[in-house]
PDB file of N, CA and C in Angstrom:
ATOM      1  N   MET A   1     -24.705 106.350 -11.370  1.00  0.00           N
ATOM      2  CA  MET A   1     -25.223 104.525 -11.029  1.00  0.00           C
ATOM      3  C   MET A   1     -26.001 103.522 -12.236  1.00  0.00           C
ATOM      4  N   GLY A   2     -26.467 104.507 -13.102  1.00  0.00           N
ATOM      5  CA  GLY A   2     -26.696 104.152 -14.799  1.00  0.00           C
ATOM      6  C   GLY A   2     -25.649 103.170 -15.058  1.00  0.00           C
ATOM      7  N   ARG A   3     -24.311 103.479 -15.184  1.00  0.00           N
ATOM      8  CA  ARG A   3     -22.898 102.766 -15.778  1.00  0.00           C
ATOM      9  C   ARG A   3     -22.961 101.622 -15.348  1.00  0.00           C
ATOM     10  N   TYR A   4     -23.043 101.274 -13.730  1.00  0.00           N
ATOM     11  CA  TYR A   4     -23.006 100.094 -12.759  1.00  0.00           C
ATOM     12  C   TYR A   4     -24.098  99.495 -12.831  1.00  0.00           C
ATOM     13  N   SER A   5     -25.412  99.386 -13.734  1.00  0.00           N
ATOM     14  CA  SER A   5     -26.685  98.959 -13.344  1.00  0.00           C
ATOM     15  C   SER A   5     -26.368  96.818 -13.926  1.00  0.00           C
ATOM     16  N   ILE A   6     -25.756  97.153 -14.860  1.00  0.00           N
ATOM     17  CA  ILE A   6     -25.447  95.236 -15.696  1.00  0.00           C
ATOM     18  C   ILE A   6     -24.733  94.913 -14.736  1.00  0.00           C
ATOM     19  N   ALA A   7     -23.874  95.544 -13.841  1.00  0.00           N
ATOM     20  CA  ALA A   7     -22.321  95.016 -12.300  1.00  0.00           C
ATOM     21  C   ALA A   7     -23.545  94.526 -11.400  1.00  0.00           C
ATOM     22  N   LEU A   8     -24.189  94.994 -10.801  1.00  0.00           N
ATOM     23  CA  LEU A   8     -25.407  95.433  -9.662  1.00  0.00           C
ATOM     24  C   LEU A   8     -26.150  94.161 -10.248  1.00  0.00           C
ATOM     25  N   GLN A   9     -26.823  94.164 -11.391  1.00  0.00           N
ATOM     26  CA  GLN A   9     -27.863  92.927 -11.731  1.00  0.00           C
ATOM     27  C   GLN A   9     -26.858  91.688 -11.661  1.00  0.00           C
ATOM     28  N   MET A  10     -25.631  91.274 -12.499  1.00  0.00           N
ATOM     29  CA  MET A  10     -24.694  90.324 -11.679  1.00  0.00           C
ATOM     30  C   MET A  10     -24.451  90.040 -10.726  1.00  0.00           C
ATOM     31  N   ILE A  11     -24.235  90.608  -9.579  1.00  0.00           N
ATOM     32  CA  ILE A  11     -23.868  90.591  -8.263  1.00  0.00           C
ATOM     33  C   ILE A  11     -25.016  89.726  -7.748  1.00  0.00           C
ATOM     34  N   TYR A  12     -26.707  90.689  -8.127  1.00  0.00           N
ATOM     35  CA  TYR A  12     -28.240  90.279  -7.660  1.00  0.00           C
ATOM     36  C   TYR A  12     -27.787  88.638  -8.374  1.00  0.00           C
ATOM     37  N   HIS A  13     -28.057  88.765  -9.580  1.00  0.00           N
ATOM     38  CA  HIS A  13     -27.989  87.462  -9.849  1.00  0.00           C
ATOM     39  C   HIS A  13     -26.938  85.894  -9.936  1.00  0.00           C
ATOM     40  N   ALA A  14     -26.388  86.543  -9.242  1.00  0.00           N
ATOM     41  CA  ALA A  14     -24.955  85.186  -8.990  1.00  0.00           C
ATOM     42  C   ALA A  14     -25.857  85.054  -7.332  1.00  0.00           C
ATOM     43  N   ILE A  15     -26.131  86.157  -6.581  1.00  0.00           N
ATOM     44  CA  ILE A  15     -26.442  85.577  -5.117  1.00  0.00           C
ATOM     45  C   ILE A  15     -27.826  84.600  -5.438  1.00  0.00           C
ATOM     46  N   ALA A  16     -28.745  85.116  -6.519  1.00  0.00           N
ATOM     47  CA  ALA A  16     -30.055  85.153  -6.206  1.00  0.00           C
ATOM     48  C   ALA A  16     -30.011  82.918  -7.587  1.00  0.00           C
ATOM     49  N   GLU A  17     -28.360  82.797  -8.014  1.00  0.00           N
ATOM     50  CA  GLU A  17     -28.881  81.523  -8.627  1.00  0.00           C
ATOM     51  C   GLU A  17     -28.322  80.879  -7.501  1.00  0.00           C
ATOM     52  N   ARG A  18     -27.087  81.033  -6.564  1.00  0.00           N
ATOM     53  CA  ARG A  18     -26.736  80.107  -5.468  1.00  0.00           C
ATOM     54  C   ARG A  18     -27.089  80.304  -4.384  1.00  0.00           C
ATOM     55  N   ARG A  19     -28.866  80.975  -3.901  1.00  0.00           N
ATOM     56  CA  ARG A  19     -28.718  81.102  -2.690  1.00  0.00           C
ATOM     57  C   ARG A  19     -28.811  80.147  -1.916  1.00  0.00           C
ATOM     58  N   TYR A  20     -29.507  78.872  -2.406  1.00  0.00           N
ATOM     59  CA  TYR A  20     -29.323  77.333  -1.710  1.00  0.00           C
ATOM     60  C   TYR A  20     -28.300  77.339  -0.991  1.00  0.00           C
ATOM     61  N   GLU A  21     -26.538  76.995  -1.922  1.00  0.00           N
ATOM     62  CA  GLU A  21     -25.142  76.751  -1.201  1.00  0.00           C
ATOM     63  C   GLU A  21     -25.028  77.964  -0.307  1.00  0.00           C
ATOM     64  N   LEU A  22     -24.986  79.257  -0.807  1.00  0.00           N
ATOM     65  CA  LEU A  22     -24.508  80.412   0.253  1.00  0.00           C
ATOM     66  C   LEU A  22     -25.538  79.856   1.703  1.00  0.00           C
ATOM     67  N   GLY A  23     -26.919  79.989   1.463  1.00  0.00           N
ATOM     68  CA  GLY A  23     -27.347  79.475   3.031  1.00  0.00           C
ATOM     69  C   GLY A  23     -27.286  77.988   3.396  1.00  0.00           C
ATOM     70  N   VAL A  24     -26.702  77.546   2.702  1.00  0.00           N
ATOM     71  CA  VAL A  24     -25.905  76.255   3.028  1.00  0.00           C
ATOM     72  C   VAL A  24     -24.321  76.400   3.681  1.00  0.00           C
ATOM     73  N   SER A  25     -23.905  77.021   3.312  1.00  0.00           N
ATOM     74  CA  SER A  25     -22.320  77.498   3.867  1.00  0.00           C
ATOM     75  C   SER A  25     -22.741  78.411   5.120  1.00  0.00           C
ATOM     76  N   ILE A  26     -23.263  79.085   5.316  1.00  0.00           N
ATOM     77  CA  ILE A  26     -24.113  80.431   5.828  1.00  0.00           C
ATOM     78  C   ILE A  26     -24.668  79.135   7.319  1.00  0.00           C
ATOM     79  N   VAL A  27     -25.689  78.118   7.147  1.00  0.00           N
ATOM     80  CA  VAL A  27     -26.032  76.885   8.622  1.00  0.00           C
ATOM     81  C   VAL A  27     -24.400  76.064   8.828  1.00  0.00           C
ATOM     82  N   ILE A  28     -23.564  75.998   7.527  1.00  0.00           N
ATOM     83  CA  ILE A  28     -22.247  75.623   8.213  1.00  0.00           C
ATOM     84  C   ILE A  28     -21.437  75.912   9.031  1.00  0.00           C
ATOM     85  N   ALA A  29     -21.693  77.559   8.399  1.00  0.00           N
ATOM     86  CA  ALA A  29     -20.511  78.566   9.614  1.00  0.00           C
ATOM     87  C   ALA A  29     -20.801  78.644  10.744  1.00  0.00           C
ATOM     88  N   PHE A  30     -22.396  78.948  10.887  1.00  0.00           N
ATOM     89  CA  PHE A  30     -23.305  78.914  12.396  1.00  0.00           C
ATOM     90  C   PHE A  30     -22.720  77.889  13.232  1.00  0.00           C
ATOM     91  N   SER A  31     -23.172  76.504  12.929  1.00  0.00           N
ATOM     92  CA  SER A  31     -22.992  75.539  13.155  1.00  0.00           C
ATOM     93  C   SER A  31     -21.370  75.312  13.547  1.00  0.00           C
ATOM     94  N   LEU A  32     -20.095  75.509  13.089  1.00  0.00           N
ATOM     95  CA  LEU A  32     -18.936  75.446  13.427  1.00  0.00           C
ATOM     96  C   LEU A  32     -18.612  76.560  14.410  1.00  0.00           C
ATOM     97  N   MET A  33     -19.200  78.006  14.531  1.00  0.00           N
ATOM     98  CA  MET A  33     -19.101  78.604  15.445  1.00  0.00           C
ATOM     99  C   MET A  33     -19.437  78.050  16.368  1.00  0.00           C
ATOM    100  N   LEU A  34     -20.753  77.619  16.868  1.00  0.00           N
ATOM    101  CA  LEU A  34     -21.466  77.090  17.863  1.00  0.00           C
ATOM    102  C   LEU A  34     -20.222  76.120  18.563  1.00  0.00           C
ATOM    103  N   LEU A  35     -20.050  75.100  17.804  1.00  0.00           N
ATOM    104  CA  LEU A  35     -18.883  73.913  17.989  1.00  0.00           C
ATOM    105  C   LEU A  35     -17.669  74.679  18.901  1.00  0.00           C
ATOM    106  N   ALA A  36     -17.497  75.326  18.138  1.00  0.00           N
ATOM    107  CA  ALA A  36     -16.026  76.284  18.634  1.00  0.00           C
ATOM    108  C   ALA A  36     -16.240  76.995  19.843  1.00  0.00           C
ATOM    109  N   SER A  37     -17.766  77.416  19.708  1.00  0.00           N
ATOM    110  CA  SER A  37     -17.402  78.433  21.179  1.00  0.00           C
ATOM    111  C   SER A  37     -18.097  77.410  22.147  1.00  0.00           C
ATOM    112  N   THR A  38     -18.217  76.698  21.896  1.00  0.00           N
ATOM    113  CA  THR A  38     -18.429  74.949  22.961  1.00  0.00           C
ATOM    114  C   THR A  38     -17.490  74.508  23.731  1.00  0.00           C
ATOM    115  N   ALA A  39     -16.817  74.346  22.414  1.00  0.00           N
ATOM    116  CA  ALA A  39     -15.669  73.479  22.450  1.00  0.00           C
ATOM    117  C   ALA A  39     -14.240  74.424  23.246  1.00  0.00           C
ATOM    118  N   LEU A  40     -14.531  75.865  23.283  1.00  0.00           N
ATOM    119  CA  LEU A  40     -13.029  76.435  24.215  1.00  0.00           C
ATOM    120  C   LEU A  40     -14.314  76.740  25.177  1.00  0.00           C
ATOM    121  N   TYR A  41     -15.379  77.028  25.462  1.00  0.00           N
ATOM    122  CA  TYR A  41     -16.186  77.101  26.804  1.00  0.00           C
ATOM    123  C   TYR A  41     -15.523  75.920  27.899  1.00  0.00           C
ATOM    124  N   MET A  42     -15.888  74.476  27.065  1.00  0.00           N
ATOM    125  CA  MET A  42     -15.613  73.516  27.998  1.00  0.00           C
ATOM    126  C   MET A  42     -13.920  73.752  28.096  1.00  0.00           C
ATOM    127  N   ALA A  43     -12.893  73.762  27.405  1.00  0.00           N
ATOM    128  CA  ALA A  43     -11.450  74.081  28.305  1.00  0.00           C
ATOM    129  C   ALA A  43     -11.198  75.022  28.567  1.00  0.00           C
ATOM    130  N   GLU A  44     -12.022  75.879  28.492  1.00  0.00           N
ATOM    131  CA  GLU A  44     -11.706  77.269  28.930  1.00  0.00           C
ATOM    132  C   GLU A  44     -12.144  77.834  30.698  1.00  0.00           C
ATOM    133  N   ARG A  45     -13.201  77.441  30.439  1.00  0.00           N
ATOM    134  CA  ARG A  45     -14.063  77.621  31.729  1.00  0.00           C
ATOM    135  C   ARG A  45     -13.488  78.306  33.015  1.00  0.00           C
ATOM    136  N   SER A  46     -13.016  76.851  33.305  1.00  0.00           N
ATOM    137  CA  SER A  46     -12.322  77.227  34.386  1.00  0.00           C
ATOM    138  C   SER A  46     -11.123  77.873  35.256  1.00  0.00           C
ATOM    139  N   SER A  47     -10.069  77.707  33.992  1.00  0.00           N
ATOM    140  CA  SER A  47      -8.803  78.670  33.930  1.00  0.00           C
ATOM    141  C   SER A  47      -8.932  80.180  33.660  1.00  0.00           C
ATOM    142  N   GLN A  48     -10.347  80.808  32.832  1.00  0.00           N
ATOM    143  CA  GLN A  48     -10.485  81.759  32.437  1.00  0.00           C
ATOM    144  C   GLN A  48     -12.361  82.086  32.368  1.00  0.00           C
ATOM    145  N   PRO A  49     -12.605  82.132  33.381  1.00  0.00           N
ATOM    146  CA  PRO A  49     -14.204  81.923  33.542  1.00  0.00           C
ATOM    147  C   PRO A  49     -14.539  83.358  33.170  1.00  0.00           C
ATOM    148  N   GLU A  50     -13.933  84.493  33.238  1.00  0.00           N
ATOM    149  CA  GLU A  50     -14.478  85.759  32.067  1.00  0.00           C
ATOM    150  C   GLU A  50     -14.067  86.185  31.159  1.00  0.00           C
ATOM    151  N   ALA A  51     -13.547  85.628  30.592  1.00  0.00           N
ATOM    152  CA  ALA A  51     -14.116  85.420  29.046  1.00  0.00           C
ATOM    153  C   ALA A  51     -14.803  84.284  28.381  1.00  0.00           C
ATOM    154  N   PHE A  52     -14.441  82.493  28.906  1.00  0.00           N
ATOM    155  CA  PHE A  52     -15.333  81.683  28.571  1.00  0.00           C
ATOM    156  C   PHE A  52     -15.808  81.424  29.621  1.00  0.00           C
ATOM    157  N   GLY A  53     -16.694  82.438  30.204  1.00  0.00           N
ATOM    158  CA  GLY A  53     -17.647  81.899  30.968  1.00  0.00           C
ATOM    159  C   GLY A  53     -18.947  80.976  30.790  1.00  0.00           C
ATOM    160  N   SER A  54     -19.358  81.209  30.039  1.00  0.00           N
ATOM    161  CA  SER A  54     -20.392  80.456  29.088  1.00  0.00           C
ATOM    162  C   SER A  54     -20.089  80.882  27.736  1.00  0.00           C
ATOM    163  N   ILE A  55     -20.994  80.191  26.868  1.00  0.00           N
ATOM    164  CA  ILE A  55     -20.971  79.719  25.620  1.00  0.00           C
ATOM    165  C   ILE A  55     -21.091  80.906  24.367  1.00  0.00           C
ATOM    166  N   LEU A  56     -22.386  81.632  25.041  1.00  0.00           N
ATOM    167  CA  LEU A  56     -22.462  83.052  24.775  1.00  0.00           C
ATOM    168  C   LEU A  56     -21.336  83.692  24.513  1.00  0.00           C
ATOM    169  N   ARG A  57     -19.995  83.844  25.614  1.00  0.00           N
ATOM    170  CA  ARG A  57     -18.681  84.734  26.079  1.00  0.00           C
ATOM    171  C   ARG A  57     -17.820  84.047  25.001  1.00  0.00           C
ATOM    172  N   SER A  58     -18.002  82.824  25.055  1.00  0.00           N
ATOM    173  CA  SER A  58     -17.230  82.280  23.885  1.00  0.00           C
ATOM    174  C   SER A  58     -17.604  82.555  22.268  1.00  0.00           C
ATOM    175  N   MET A  59     -18.211  82.822  22.105  1.00  0.00           N
ATOM    176  CA  MET A  59     -18.611  83.478  20.813  1.00  0.00           C
ATOM    177  C   MET A  59     -18.227  84.528  20.264  1.00  0.00           C
ATOM    178  N   TRP A  60     -17.748  85.225  20.808  1.00  0.00           N
ATOM    179  CA  TRP A  60     -17.074  86.585  20.641  1.00  0.00           C
ATOM    180  C   TRP A  60     -15.765  85.872  20.239  1.00  0.00           C
ATOM    181  N   TRP A  61     -14.810  85.494  20.918  1.00  0.00           N
ATOM    182  CA  TRP A  61     -13.552  84.731  20.442  1.00  0.00           C
ATOM    183  C   TRP A  61     -14.139  83.809  18.948  1.00  0.00           C
ATOM    184  N   SER A  62     -15.027  82.835  18.802  1.00  0.00           N
ATOM    185  CA  SER A  62     -15.120  81.936  18.065  1.00  0.00           C
ATOM    186  C   SER A  62     -15.508  82.918  16.449  1.00  0.00           C
ATOM    187  N   VAL A  63     -16.382  84.018  17.007  1.00  0.00           N
ATOM    188  CA  VAL A  63     -16.536  84.896  15.419  1.00  0.00           C
ATOM    189  C   VAL A  63     -15.239  85.485  14.907  1.00  0.00           C
ATOM    190  N   ALA A  64     -14.507  86.274  16.419  1.00  0.00           N
ATOM    191  CA  ALA A  64     -12.968  86.732  15.541  1.00  0.00           C
ATOM    192  C   ALA A  64     -12.084  85.490  14.853  1.00  0.00           C
ATOM    193  N   THR A  65     -12.057  84.770  15.627  1.00  0.00           N
ATOM    194  CA  THR A  65     -11.399  83.340  15.185  1.00  0.00           C
ATOM    195  C   THR A  65     -11.169  82.863  13.233  1.00  0.00           C
ATOM    196  N   LEU A  66     -13.077  82.759  13.544  1.00  0.00           N
ATOM    197  CA  LEU A  66     -13.316  81.810  12.254  1.00  0.00           C
ATOM    198  C   LEU A  66     -13.676  83.149  11.044  1.00  0.00           C
ATOM    199  N   THR A  67     -13.841  84.455  11.702  1.00  0.00           N
ATOM    200  CA  THR A  67     -13.830  84.981  10.014  1.00  0.00           C
ATOM    201  C   THR A  67     -12.351  85.391  10.078  1.00  0.00           C
ATOM    202  N   THR A  68     -10.902  84.765  10.649  1.00  0.00           N
ATOM    203  CA  THR A  68     -10.088  84.910  10.977  1.00  0.00           C
ATOM    204  C   THR A  68      -9.066  87.179  10.913  1.00  0.00           C
ATOM    205  N   VAL A  69     -10.112  87.444  12.349  1.00  0.00           N
ATOM    206  CA  VAL A  69     -10.011  88.796  11.777  1.00  0.00           C
ATOM    207  C   VAL A  69      -8.673  88.939  13.655  1.00  0.00           C
ATOM    208  N   GLY A  70      -9.221  87.645  14.556  1.00  0.00           N
ATOM    209  CA  GLY A  70      -8.201  87.488  15.316  1.00  0.00           C
ATOM    210  C   GLY A  70      -7.259  88.714  16.221  1.00  0.00           C
ATOM    211  N   TYR A  71      -8.955  89.255  16.918  1.00  0.00           N
ATOM    212  CA  TYR A  71      -8.314  90.722  18.005  1.00  0.00           C
ATOM    213  C   TYR A  71      -7.158  90.131  18.651  1.00  0.00           C
ATOM    214  N   GLY A  72      -7.096  88.372  19.491  1.00  0.00           N
ATOM    215  CA  GLY A  72      -6.084  88.950  20.265  1.00  0.00           C
ATOM    216  C   GLY A  72      -6.344  88.840  21.827  1.00  0.00           C
ATOM    217  N   ASP A  73      -7.609  89.718  21.796  1.00  0.00           N
ATOM    218  CA  ASP A  73      -8.136  90.321  23.514  1.00  0.00           C
ATOM    219  C   ASP A  73      -8.239  88.952  24.177  1.00  0.00           C
ATOM    220  N   VAL A  74      -9.115  87.880  23.755  1.00  0.00           N
ATOM    221  CA  VAL A  74      -9.551  86.781  24.363  1.00  0.00           C
ATOM    222  C   VAL A  74      -8.322  85.484  23.705  1.00  0.00           C
ATOM    223  N   VAL A  75      -7.509  84.630  24.481  1.00  0.00           N
ATOM    224  CA  VAL A  75      -6.936  83.698  23.905  1.00  0.00           C
ATOM    225  C   VAL A  75      -7.157  82.298  24.554  1.00  0.00           C
ATOM    226  N   PRO A  76      -6.339  81.345  24.594  1.00  0.00           N
ATOM    227  CA  PRO A  76      -6.930  79.758  25.391  1.00  0.00           C
ATOM    228  C   PRO A  76      -5.382  79.820  25.814  1.00  0.00           C
ATOM    229  N   LEU A  77      -5.868  79.961  27.477  1.00  0.00           N
ATOM    230  CA  LEU A  77      -4.446  79.005  28.035  1.00  0.00           C
ATOM    231  C   LEU A  77      -4.467  77.921  27.840  1.00  0.00           C
ATOM    232  N   THR A  78      -4.858  76.475  27.981  1.00  0.00           N
ATOM    233  CA  THR A  78      -5.087  75.666  28.118  1.00  0.00           C
ATOM    234  C   THR A  78      -4.201  74.786  26.396  1.00  0.00           C
ATOM    235  N   ILE A  79      -4.247  73.402  27.151  1.00  0.00           N
ATOM    236  CA  ILE A  79      -3.501  72.964  25.960  1.00  0.00           C
ATOM    237  C   ILE A  79      -4.957  72.572  25.077  1.00  0.00           C
ATOM    238  N   LEU A  80      -5.979  71.716  25.201  1.00  0.00           N
ATOM    239  CA  LEU A  80      -7.002  71.809  25.139  1.00  0.00           C
ATOM    240  C   LEU A  80      -7.938  72.461  24.173  1.00  0.00           C
ATOM    241  N   GLY A  81      -7.630  73.935  24.763  1.00  0.00           N
ATOM    242  CA  GLY A  81      -8.253  75.151  24.632  1.00  0.00           C
ATOM    243  C   GLY A  81      -7.395  75.412  23.013  1.00  0.00           C
ATOM    244  N   ARG A  82      -6.049  75.675  23.359  1.00  0.00           N
ATOM    245  CA  ARG A  82      -5.221  75.736  22.210  1.00  0.00           C
ATOM    246  C   ARG A  82      -5.306  74.926  21.308  1.00  0.00           C
ATOM    247  N   ILE A  83      -5.649  73.533  21.381  1.00  0.00           N
ATOM    248  CA  ILE A  83      -5.418  72.837  19.974  1.00  0.00           C
ATOM    249  C   ILE A  83      -6.932  73.045  20.070  1.00  0.00           C
ATOM    250  N   ALA A  84      -8.458  73.131  20.285  1.00  0.00           N
ATOM    251  CA  ALA A  84      -9.121  73.652  19.529  1.00  0.00           C
ATOM    252  C   ALA A  84      -9.191  74.841  19.071  1.00  0.00           C
ATOM    253  N   ALA A  85      -8.450  75.842  19.167  1.00  0.00           N
ATOM    254  CA  ALA A  85      -8.624  77.188  18.670  1.00  0.00           C
ATOM    255  C   ALA A  85      -7.803  76.879  17.118  1.00  0.00           C
ATOM    256  N   ALA A  86      -6.441  76.161  17.791  1.00  0.00           N
ATOM    257  CA  ALA A  86      -5.947  75.855  15.862  1.00  0.00           C
ATOM    258  C   ALA A  86      -6.958  75.491  15.071  1.00  0.00           C
ATOM    259  N   LEU A  87      -7.630  74.127  15.693  1.00  0.00           N
ATOM    260  CA  LEU A  87      -8.542  73.170  14.748  1.00  0.00           C
ATOM    261  C   LEU A  87      -9.858  74.971  14.345  1.00  0.00           C
ATOM    262  N   THR A  88     -10.114  75.434  14.998  1.00  0.00           N
ATOM    263  CA  THR A  88     -10.898  76.277  14.701  1.00  0.00           C
ATOM    264  C   THR A  88     -10.582  77.283  13.339  1.00  0.00           C
ATOM    265  N   ALA A  89      -9.270  77.801  14.328  1.00  0.00           N
ATOM    266  CA  ALA A  89      -8.622  78.833  13.036  1.00  0.00           C
ATOM    267  C   ALA A  89      -8.651  77.925  11.078  1.00  0.00           C
ATOM    268  N   VAL A  90      -7.811  76.969  11.407  1.00  0.00           N
ATOM    269  CA  VAL A  90      -7.504  76.525  10.253  1.00  0.00           C
ATOM    270  C   VAL A  90      -9.304  75.950   9.675  1.00  0.00           C
ATOM    271  N   THR A  91     -10.122  76.342  10.124  1.00  0.00           N
ATOM    272  CA  THR A  91     -11.032  75.960   9.523  1.00  0.00           C
ATOM    273  C   THR A  91     -11.788  77.042   9.104  1.00  0.00           C
ATOM    274  N   GLY A  92     -11.470  77.672   9.875  1.00  0.00           N
ATOM    275  CA  GLY A  92     -12.295  79.708   9.798  1.00  0.00           C
ATOM    276  C   GLY A  92     -11.471  79.567   8.103  1.00  0.00           C
ATOM    277  N   ILE A  93     -10.649  79.548   7.773  1.00  0.00           N
ATOM    278  CA  ILE A  93      -9.805  79.800   6.663  1.00  0.00           C
ATOM    279  C   ILE A  93     -11.308  78.803   5.056  1.00  0.00           C
ATOM    280  N   GLY A  94     -11.400  77.698   5.502  1.00  0.00           N
ATOM    281  CA  GLY A  94     -12.161  77.305   4.511  1.00  0.00           C
ATOM    282  C   GLY A  94     -13.522  77.744   4.888  1.00  0.00           C
ATOM    283  N   ILE A  95     -14.294  77.838   6.304  1.00  0.00           N
ATOM    284  CA  ILE A  95     -15.604  78.218   6.265  1.00  0.00           C
ATOM    285  C   ILE A  95     -15.518  80.288   5.309  1.00  0.00           C
ATOM    286  N   ILE A  96     -14.311  80.753   5.354  1.00  0.00           N
ATOM    287  CA  ILE A  96     -14.835  82.131   4.570  1.00  0.00           C
ATOM    288  C   ILE A  96     -13.976  81.358   3.154  1.00  0.00           C
ATOM    289  N   ALA A  97     -13.996  80.682   2.568  1.00  0.00           N
ATOM    290  CA  ALA A  97     -13.439  80.437   1.239  1.00  0.00           C
ATOM    291  C   ALA A  97     -14.465  80.061   0.288  1.00  0.00           C
ATOM    292  N   LEU A  98     -15.128  79.134   1.283  1.00  0.00           N
ATOM    293  CA  LEU A  98     -16.497  78.753   0.364  1.00  0.00           C
ATOM    294  C   LEU A  98     -17.510  79.607   0.095  1.00  0.00           C
ATOM    295  N   PRO A  99     -17.991  80.242   0.872  1.00  0.00           N
ATOM    296  CA  PRO A  99     -19.049  81.522  -0.198  1.00  0.00           C
ATOM    297  C   PRO A  99     -18.240  82.198  -1.056  1.00  0.00           C
ATOM    298  N   THR A 100     -17.130  82.480  -1.026  1.00  0.00           N
ATOM    299  CA  THR A 100     -16.316  83.111  -2.465  1.00  0.00           C
ATOM    300  C   THR A 100     -16.430  82.046  -3.103  1.00  0.00           C
ATOM    301  N   GLY A 101     -15.490  81.232  -3.348  1.00  0.00           N
ATOM    302  CA  GLY A 101     -16.237  79.987  -4.266  1.00  0.00           C
ATOM    303  C   GLY A 101     -17.140  79.500  -4.586  1.00  0.00           C
ATOM    304  N   ILE A 102     -18.137  80.104  -4.149  1.00  0.00           N
ATOM    305  CA  ILE A 102     -19.126  79.842  -4.755  1.00  0.00           C
ATOM    306  C   ILE A 102     -19.531  81.099  -5.991  1.00  0.00           C
ATOM    307  N   LEU A 103     -19.858  82.090  -5.089  1.00  0.00           N
ATOM    308  CA  LEU A 103     -20.016  83.640  -5.902  1.00  0.00           C
ATOM    309  C   LEU A 103     -18.845  83.855  -6.785  1.00  0.00           C
ATOM    310  N   ALA A 104     -18.086  82.991  -6.775  1.00  0.00           N
ATOM    311  CA  ALA A 104     -16.842  82.806  -8.091  1.00  0.00           C
ATOM    312  C   ALA A 104     -17.646  82.157  -8.889  1.00  0.00           C
ATOM    313  N   GLY A 105     -17.644  81.648  -8.715  1.00  0.00           N
ATOM    314  CA  GLY A 105     -18.522  80.015  -9.964  1.00  0.00           C
ATOM    315  C   GLY A 105     -19.672  81.176 -10.408  1.00  0.00           C
ATOM    316  N   ALA A 106     -20.296  81.479  -9.968  1.00  0.00           N
ATOM    317  CA  ALA A 106     -21.563  81.855 -10.385  1.00  0.00           C
ATOM    318  C   ALA A 106     -20.818  83.288 -11.179  1.00  0.00           C
ATOM    319  N   PHE A 107     -20.206  83.762 -10.968  1.00  0.00           N
ATOM    320  CA  PHE A 107     -19.855  85.386 -11.316  1.00  0.00           C
ATOM    321  C   PHE A 107     -18.753  84.791 -13.039  1.00  0.00           C
ATOM    322  N   SER A 108     -18.144  83.893 -12.839  1.00  0.00           N
ATOM    323  CA  SER A 108     -17.475  83.026 -14.449  1.00  0.00           C
ATOM    324  C   SER A 108     -19.335  82.587 -15.306  1.00  0.00           C
ATOM    325  N   ASP A 109     -20.239  82.537 -14.316  1.00  0.00           N
ATOM    326  CA  ASP A 109     -21.709  82.226 -15.201  1.00  0.00           C
ATOM    327  C   ASP A 109     -22.091  83.104 -15.736  1.00  0.00           C
ATOM    328  N   GLY A 110     -21.553  84.246 -15.080  1.00  0.00           N
ATOM    329  CA  GLY A 110     -22.427  85.861 -15.477  1.00  0.00           C
ATOM    330  C   GLY A 110     -22.052  85.974 -17.267  1.00  0.00           C
ATOM    331  N   PRO A 111     -21.232  86.274 -17.551  1.00  0.00           N
ATOM    332  CA  PRO A 111     -20.806  86.768 -19.041  1.00  0.00           C
ATOM    333  C   PRO A 111     -21.099  85.617 -19.805  1.00  0.00           C
ATOM    334  N   LYS A 112     -21.593  84.504 -20.034  1.00  0.00           N
ATOM    335  CA  LYS A 112     -21.851  83.300 -20.796  1.00  0.00           C
ATOM    336  C   LYS A 112     -23.707  83.525 -20.455  1.00  0.00           C
ATOM    337  N   ARG A 113     -24.259  84.174 -19.700  1.00  0.00           N
ATOM    338  CA  ARG A 113     -25.417  83.990 -19.388  1.00  0.00           C
ATOM    339  C   ARG A 113     -26.092  85.144 -20.364  1.00  0.00           C
ATOM    340  N   VAL A 114     -24.996  86.003 -19.676  1.00  0.00           N
ATOM    341  CA  VAL A 114     -25.800  87.879 -20.720  1.00  0.00           C
ATOM    342  C   VAL A 114     -25.327  87.349 -22.450  1.00  0.00           C
ATOM    343  N   LYS A 115     -23.875  86.804 -23.071  1.00  0.00           N
ATOM    344  CA  LYS A 115     -24.396  86.307 -24.047  1.00  0.00           C
ATOM    345  C   LYS A 115     -25.419  85.505 -24.638  1.00  0.00           C
ATOM    346  N   ASN A 116     -25.846  84.117 -23.418  1.00  0.00           N
ATOM    347  CA  ASN A 116     -26.831  83.741 -24.070  1.00  0.00           C
ATOM    348  C   ASN A 116     -28.153  84.126 -24.508  1.00  0.00           C
ATOM    349  N   LYS A 117     -28.343  85.801 -23.331  1.00  0.00           N
ATOM    350  CA  LYS A 117     -29.336  86.031 -23.451  1.00  0.00           C
ATOM    351  C   LYS A 117     -29.596  86.839 -24.572  1.00  0.00           C
ATOM    352  N   SER A 118     -28.117  87.896 -24.997  1.00  0.00           N
ATOM    353  CA  SER A 118     -28.713  88.172 -26.212  1.00  0.00           C
ATOM    354  C   SER A 118     -28.521  87.779 -27.647  1.00  0.00           C
ATOM    355  N   ALA A 119     -28.056  86.778 -27.431  1.00  0.00           N
ATOM    356  CA  ALA A 119     -28.051  86.084 -28.785  1.00  0.00           C
ATOM    357  C   ALA A 119     -29.507  85.137 -28.816  1.00  0.00           C
ATOM    358  N   GLU A 120     -30.341  85.039 -27.849  1.00  0.00           N
ATOM    359  CA  GLU A 120     -31.615  84.522 -27.708  1.00  0.00           C
ATOM    360  C   GLU A 120     -32.497  85.913 -28.107  1.00  0.00           C
ATOM    361  N   SER A 121     -32.450  87.243 -27.611  1.00  0.00           N
ATOM    362  CA  SER A 121     -32.933  88.635 -28.256  1.00  0.00           C
ATOM    363  C   SER A 121     -32.852  88.699 -29.571  1.00  0.00           C
ATOM    364  N   ASP A 122     -31.698  87.980 -30.202  1.00  0.00           N
ATOM    365  CA  ASP A 122     -31.308  88.879 -31.553  1.00  0.00           C
ATOM    366  C   ASP A 122     -32.011  87.629 -32.782  1.00  0.00           C
ATOM    367  N   ASN A 123     -32.549  86.439 -31.705  1.00  0.00           N
ATOM    368  CA  ASN A 123     -33.638  85.460 -32.945  1.00  0.00           C
ATOM    369  C   ASN A 123     -34.568  85.741 -32.857  1.00  0.00           C
TER     370      ASN A 123
END
């Protein structure tokens, strides 16, 4: 475990440095999940009450779609539901990419930070 300590420290520092941006992306993701769940509930509740009978039931579909897992156990049948599902699926790609980009930027700053820290300790 000792040889991985620098890598673990870089991961910790990357998350700690970008915690506000990551927090905002989590709030955006949760808001989009709630919006998508509500949209599918409104579009599909009469045609599929067992799957989309409440906003909470619709959240299962929303989580599976936004995370791009897409189990396929629950699918929209109405035209409006399919349009909302398509928009949700496309938006889900961006929601997954957002924290990935934030952390990638923080990781690219990591080696610079290590160099600066070692240069300061040498002086």
